[in-house]
Amino acid sequence: MSWEILMAQELKKRDNKPSSVWNIGDVISPVMNIDPENGKVTYDGPLVISCCGGEVMLRKDRLLQFPTEGRYHAGQKVALLGDMFGGGPGSQRILILGVVTGAV
């Protein structure tokens, strides 16, 4: 057998720690701007959420949200649901559950 196959078999034998199904993420983009003259709110930038201690950046193509009309902005903490490191069908699609406050 080739070394790649032997190494893959060894890695499968190990007790790999499963990834968490839920996470807390920090919304880092878009930035919310409020016009002081008329109070109009605008958002600058695409939706980007940082999680896993800043090691993972989730962009809109990997995120699902319900209801779809909600708007998240920089400075918020959000609850995330999904297996971002899985290889199965539907994995790496993360559902934004909503804004959390006082989360541990």
N, C-alpha and C. Protein backbone atom coordinates (compact mmCIF):
# COMPACT_ATOMS: atom_id res chain seq x y z
N MET A 1 0.83 -1.19 0.00
CA MET A 1 0.00 0.00 0.00
C MET A 1 0.88 1.25 0.00
N SER A 2 0.35 2.30 -0.58
CA SER A 2 1.10 3.56 -0.61
C SER A 2 1.04 4.23 0.76
N TRP A 3 1.98 5.12 1.00
CA TRP A 3 2.07 5.78 2.29
C TRP A 3 0.84 6.63 2.58
N GLU A 4 0.18 7.19 1.54
CA GLU A 4 -1.00 8.02 1.76
C GLU A 4 -2.15 7.20 2.35
N ILE A 5 -2.31 5.98 1.84
CA ILE A 5 -3.38 5.12 2.33
C ILE A 5 -3.09 4.67 3.76
N LEU A 6 -1.84 4.31 4.03
CA LEU A 6 -1.46 3.91 5.39
C LEU A 6 -1.66 5.05 6.39
N MET A 7 -1.32 6.24 5.98
CA MET A 7 -1.49 7.38 6.88
C MET A 7 -2.97 7.66 7.12
N ALA A 8 -3.78 7.58 6.08
CA ALA A 8 -5.22 7.79 6.23
C ALA A 8 -5.83 6.75 7.18
N GLN A 9 -5.37 5.50 7.09
CA GLN A 9 -5.87 4.46 7.99
C GLN A 9 -5.47 4.74 9.43
N GLU A 10 -4.26 5.22 9.65
CA GLU A 10 -3.81 5.55 11.00
C GLU A 10 -4.63 6.70 11.58
N LEU A 11 -4.91 7.70 10.77
CA LEU A 11 -5.69 8.84 11.25
C LEU A 11 -7.11 8.43 11.62
N LYS A 12 -7.69 7.49 10.87
CA LYS A 12 -9.04 7.02 11.18
C LYS A 12 -9.08 6.26 12.50
N LYS A 13 -7.98 5.62 12.89
CA LYS A 13 -7.92 4.85 14.13
C LYS A 13 -7.93 5.75 15.36
N ARG A 14 -7.45 6.96 15.22
CA ARG A 14 -7.32 7.86 16.37
C ARG A 14 -8.68 8.31 16.86
N ASP A 15 -8.70 8.68 18.12
CA ASP A 15 -9.93 9.17 18.73
C ASP A 15 -10.05 10.66 18.44
N ASN A 16 -10.53 10.99 17.26
CA ASN A 16 -10.65 12.38 16.86
C ASN A 16 -11.81 13.04 17.59
N LYS A 17 -11.53 14.21 18.11
CA LYS A 17 -12.53 14.97 18.83
C LYS A 17 -13.56 15.52 17.84
N PRO A 18 -14.85 15.22 18.06
CA PRO A 18 -15.86 15.75 17.13
C PRO A 18 -16.00 17.26 17.30
N SER A 19 -16.35 17.92 16.23
CA SER A 19 -16.55 19.36 16.32
C SER A 19 -17.91 19.65 16.94
N SER A 20 -17.98 20.78 17.59
CA SER A 20 -19.21 21.19 18.25
C SER A 20 -20.30 21.47 17.22
N VAL A 21 -21.53 21.15 17.58
CA VAL A 21 -22.64 21.41 16.66
C VAL A 21 -23.07 22.87 16.75
N TRP A 22 -22.85 23.50 17.88
CA TRP A 22 -23.21 24.91 18.02
C TRP A 22 -21.98 25.71 18.41
N ASN A 23 -21.97 26.96 18.05
CA ASN A 23 -20.88 27.88 18.35
C ASN A 23 -21.43 29.28 18.56
N ILE A 24 -20.62 30.11 19.15
CA ILE A 24 -20.92 31.54 19.25
C ILE A 24 -19.96 32.24 18.30
N GLY A 25 -20.50 33.16 17.50
CA GLY A 25 -19.67 33.89 16.55
C GLY A 25 -19.79 35.38 16.74
N ASP A 26 -18.78 36.10 16.31
CA ASP A 26 -18.76 37.56 16.35
C ASP A 26 -18.96 38.09 14.94
N VAL A 27 -19.98 38.91 14.76
CA VAL A 27 -20.20 39.53 13.45
C VAL A 27 -19.15 40.63 13.29
N ILE A 28 -18.34 40.53 12.24
CA ILE A 28 -17.31 41.55 12.01
C ILE A 28 -17.63 42.43 10.81
N SER A 29 -18.62 42.03 10.04
CA SER A 29 -19.04 42.81 8.89
C SER A 29 -20.47 42.40 8.56
N PRO A 30 -21.33 43.27 8.12
CA PRO A 30 -21.15 44.65 7.70
C PRO A 30 -21.13 45.61 8.89
N VAL A 31 -20.63 46.80 8.61
CA VAL A 31 -20.60 47.86 9.61
C VAL A 31 -21.85 48.70 9.43
N MET A 32 -22.57 48.93 10.55
CA MET A 32 -23.79 49.73 10.49
C MET A 32 -23.43 51.21 10.63
N ASN A 33 -23.95 52.03 9.72
CA ASN A 33 -23.75 53.48 9.76
C ASN A 33 -25.10 54.16 9.86
N ILE A 34 -25.17 55.17 10.73
CA ILE A 34 -26.41 55.95 10.88
C ILE A 34 -26.09 57.39 10.48
N ASP A 35 -26.82 57.90 9.50
CA ASP A 35 -26.65 59.28 9.05
C ASP A 35 -27.20 60.21 10.12
N PRO A 36 -26.35 61.09 10.68
CA PRO A 36 -26.82 61.97 11.76
C PRO A 36 -27.87 62.99 11.33
N GLU A 37 -27.92 63.29 10.04
CA GLU A 37 -28.87 64.28 9.57
C GLU A 37 -30.29 63.74 9.47
N ASN A 38 -30.43 62.56 8.87
CA ASN A 38 -31.79 62.04 8.67
C ASN A 38 -32.06 60.72 9.39
N GLY A 39 -31.04 60.16 10.07
CA GLY A 39 -31.23 58.91 10.82
C GLY A 39 -31.29 57.66 9.96
N LYS A 40 -30.98 57.81 8.67
CA LYS A 40 -31.02 56.66 7.77
C LYS A 40 -29.90 55.68 8.11
N VAL A 41 -30.24 54.39 8.16
CA VAL A 41 -29.28 53.34 8.49
C VAL A 41 -28.80 52.67 7.21
N THR A 42 -27.49 52.55 7.06
CA THR A 42 -26.90 51.82 5.93
C THR A 42 -25.89 50.81 6.47
N TYR A 43 -25.61 49.80 5.67
CA TYR A 43 -24.67 48.75 6.05
C TYR A 43 -23.58 48.68 4.99
N ASP A 44 -22.32 48.70 5.44
CA ASP A 44 -21.18 48.64 4.53
C ASP A 44 -20.46 47.32 4.69
N GLY A 45 -20.37 46.56 3.59
CA GLY A 45 -19.62 45.32 3.57
C GLY A 45 -20.51 44.09 3.54
N PRO A 46 -19.92 42.95 3.20
CA PRO A 46 -20.66 41.69 3.16
C PRO A 46 -20.79 41.10 4.56
N LEU A 47 -21.68 40.14 4.74
CA LEU A 47 -21.84 39.46 6.02
C LEU A 47 -20.66 38.52 6.24
N VAL A 48 -19.92 38.75 7.33
CA VAL A 48 -18.79 37.90 7.72
C VAL A 48 -18.88 37.69 9.22
N ILE A 49 -18.81 36.42 9.65
CA ILE A 49 -18.87 36.07 11.06
C ILE A 49 -17.61 35.30 11.43
N SER A 50 -16.96 35.74 12.50
CA SER A 50 -15.76 35.09 13.00
C SER A 50 -16.14 34.15 14.13
N CYS A 51 -15.59 32.91 14.11
CA CYS A 51 -15.86 31.98 15.21
C CYS A 51 -14.62 31.11 15.45
N CYS A 52 -14.71 30.25 16.44
CA CYS A 52 -13.59 29.36 16.82
C CYS A 52 -12.35 30.18 17.16
N GLY A 53 -12.54 31.22 17.95
CA GLY A 53 -11.41 32.04 18.37
C GLY A 53 -10.77 32.83 17.24
N GLY A 54 -11.53 33.13 16.21
CA GLY A 54 -11.01 33.89 15.08
C GLY A 54 -10.34 33.03 14.02
N GLU A 55 -10.34 31.72 14.21
CA GLU A 55 -9.70 30.83 13.24
C GLU A 55 -10.56 30.55 12.03
N VAL A 56 -11.88 30.76 12.14
CA VAL A 56 -12.80 30.49 11.04
C VAL A 56 -13.57 31.77 10.73
N MET A 57 -13.59 32.12 9.45
CA MET A 57 -14.38 33.26 8.98
C MET A 57 -15.47 32.71 8.08
N LEU A 58 -16.72 32.89 8.49
CA LEU A 58 -17.85 32.41 7.71
C LEU A 58 -18.41 33.55 6.87
N ARG A 59 -18.55 33.29 5.59
CA ARG A 59 -19.11 34.29 4.68
C ARG A 59 -20.52 33.87 4.28
N LYS A 60 -21.21 34.75 3.61
CA LYS A 60 -22.62 34.56 3.29
C LYS A 60 -22.90 33.25 2.56
N ASP A 61 -21.98 32.76 1.72
CA ASP A 61 -22.24 31.53 0.97
C ASP A 61 -22.29 30.30 1.87
N ARG A 62 -21.82 30.38 3.10
CA ARG A 62 -21.86 29.26 4.05
C ARG A 62 -22.90 29.46 5.14
N LEU A 63 -23.60 30.59 5.11
CA LEU A 63 -24.53 30.92 6.19
C LEU A 63 -25.98 30.85 5.73
N LEU A 64 -26.81 30.36 6.62
CA LEU A 64 -28.25 30.35 6.42
C LEU A 64 -28.86 31.14 7.57
N GLN A 65 -29.93 31.85 7.30
CA GLN A 65 -30.59 32.56 8.39
C GLN A 65 -32.09 32.52 8.20
N PHE A 66 -32.77 32.49 9.33
CA PHE A 66 -34.23 32.50 9.33
C PHE A 66 -34.68 33.37 10.47
N PRO A 67 -35.47 34.35 10.30
CA PRO A 67 -36.06 34.80 9.04
C PRO A 67 -35.00 35.50 8.19
N THR A 68 -35.24 35.49 6.90
CA THR A 68 -34.25 36.03 5.97
C THR A 68 -34.18 37.55 5.97
N GLU A 69 -35.19 38.22 6.54
CA GLU A 69 -35.16 39.69 6.50
C GLU A 69 -34.37 40.30 7.65
N GLY A 70 -33.86 39.49 8.57
CA GLY A 70 -33.07 40.02 9.68
C GLY A 70 -31.73 40.55 9.19
N ARG A 71 -31.22 41.56 9.85
CA ARG A 71 -29.94 42.15 9.44
C ARG A 71 -28.98 42.12 10.61
N TYR A 72 -27.84 41.50 10.43
CA TYR A 72 -26.81 41.45 11.46
C TYR A 72 -25.74 42.46 11.10
N HIS A 73 -25.05 42.98 12.14
CA HIS A 73 -24.00 43.97 11.88
C HIS A 73 -22.86 43.81 12.87
N ALA A 74 -21.73 44.42 12.56
CA ALA A 74 -20.52 44.32 13.37
C ALA A 74 -20.81 44.67 14.82
N GLY A 75 -20.19 43.90 15.72
CA GLY A 75 -20.36 44.12 17.15
C GLY A 75 -21.34 43.17 17.81
N GLN A 76 -22.13 42.46 17.04
CA GLN A 76 -23.09 41.53 17.61
C GLN A 76 -22.46 40.15 17.79
N LYS A 77 -22.95 39.42 18.80
CA LYS A 77 -22.60 38.01 18.98
C LYS A 77 -23.81 37.21 18.55
N VAL A 78 -23.57 36.16 17.76
CA VAL A 78 -24.67 35.35 17.26
C VAL A 78 -24.44 33.88 17.60
N ALA A 79 -25.54 33.15 17.78
CA ALA A 79 -25.50 31.71 17.98
C ALA A 79 -25.53 31.04 16.61
N LEU A 80 -24.65 30.06 16.42
CA LEU A 80 -24.52 29.36 15.15
C LEU A 80 -24.78 27.87 15.36
N LEU A 81 -25.46 27.25 14.41
CA LEU A 81 -25.77 25.84 14.49
C LEU A 81 -25.33 25.15 13.22
N GLY A 82 -24.52 24.09 13.35
CA GLY A 82 -24.08 23.32 12.19
C GLY A 82 -22.68 22.78 12.38
N ASP A 83 -22.33 21.79 11.58
CA ASP A 83 -21.02 21.16 11.65
C ASP A 83 -20.12 21.77 10.59
N MET A 84 -19.31 22.74 11.00
CA MET A 84 -18.50 23.45 10.02
C MET A 84 -17.28 22.68 9.56
N PHE A 85 -16.94 21.57 10.23
CA PHE A 85 -15.78 20.78 9.81
C PHE A 85 -16.17 19.42 9.26
N GLY A 86 -17.46 19.16 9.14
CA GLY A 86 -17.93 17.87 8.66
C GLY A 86 -17.75 17.72 7.15
N GLY A 87 -17.78 16.47 6.71
CA GLY A 87 -17.62 16.21 5.29
C GLY A 87 -18.86 15.63 4.66
N GLY A 88 -19.92 15.44 5.45
CA GLY A 88 -21.14 14.84 4.93
C GLY A 88 -22.02 15.82 4.19
N PRO A 89 -23.10 15.31 3.60
CA PRO A 89 -24.03 16.19 2.88
C PRO A 89 -24.63 17.23 3.83
N GLY A 90 -24.67 18.45 3.38
CA GLY A 90 -25.27 19.52 4.18
C GLY A 90 -24.35 20.09 5.24
N SER A 91 -23.18 19.50 5.41
CA SER A 91 -22.27 20.06 6.40
C SER A 91 -21.64 21.32 5.81
N GLN A 92 -21.01 22.05 6.64
CA GLN A 92 -20.39 23.31 6.28
C GLN A 92 -21.40 24.36 5.84
N ARG A 93 -22.65 24.14 6.16
CA ARG A 93 -23.69 25.16 6.00
C ARG A 93 -24.15 25.48 7.41
N ILE A 94 -24.01 26.70 7.82
CA ILE A 94 -24.23 27.09 9.21
C ILE A 94 -25.47 27.97 9.31
N LEU A 95 -26.35 27.61 10.24
CA LEU A 95 -27.58 28.37 10.48
C LEU A 95 -27.33 29.39 11.57
N ILE A 96 -27.65 30.64 11.30
CA ILE A 96 -27.58 31.69 12.32
C ILE A 96 -28.88 31.63 13.10
N LEU A 97 -28.79 31.29 14.39
CA LEU A 97 -29.98 31.20 15.22
C LEU A 97 -30.48 32.56 15.68
N GLY A 98 -29.58 33.49 15.84
CA GLY A 98 -29.96 34.84 16.24
C GLY A 98 -28.92 35.46 17.13
N VAL A 99 -29.17 36.69 17.52
CA VAL A 99 -28.26 37.45 18.36
C VAL A 99 -28.38 36.95 19.79
N VAL A 100 -27.25 36.78 20.45
CA VAL A 100 -27.24 36.35 21.85
C VAL A 100 -26.59 37.44 22.69
N THR A 101 -27.09 37.58 23.90
CA THR A 101 -26.49 38.51 24.85
C THR A 101 -26.27 37.77 26.15
N GLY A 102 -25.21 38.09 26.83
CA GLY A 102 -24.91 37.45 28.09
C GLY A 102 -24.57 35.98 27.96
N ALA A 103 -24.09 35.56 26.77
CA ALA A 103 -23.74 34.16 26.55
C ALA A 103 -22.44 33.84 27.24
N VAL A 104 -22.35 32.63 27.76
CA VAL A 104 -21.12 32.20 28.43
C VAL A 104 -20.27 31.46 27.44
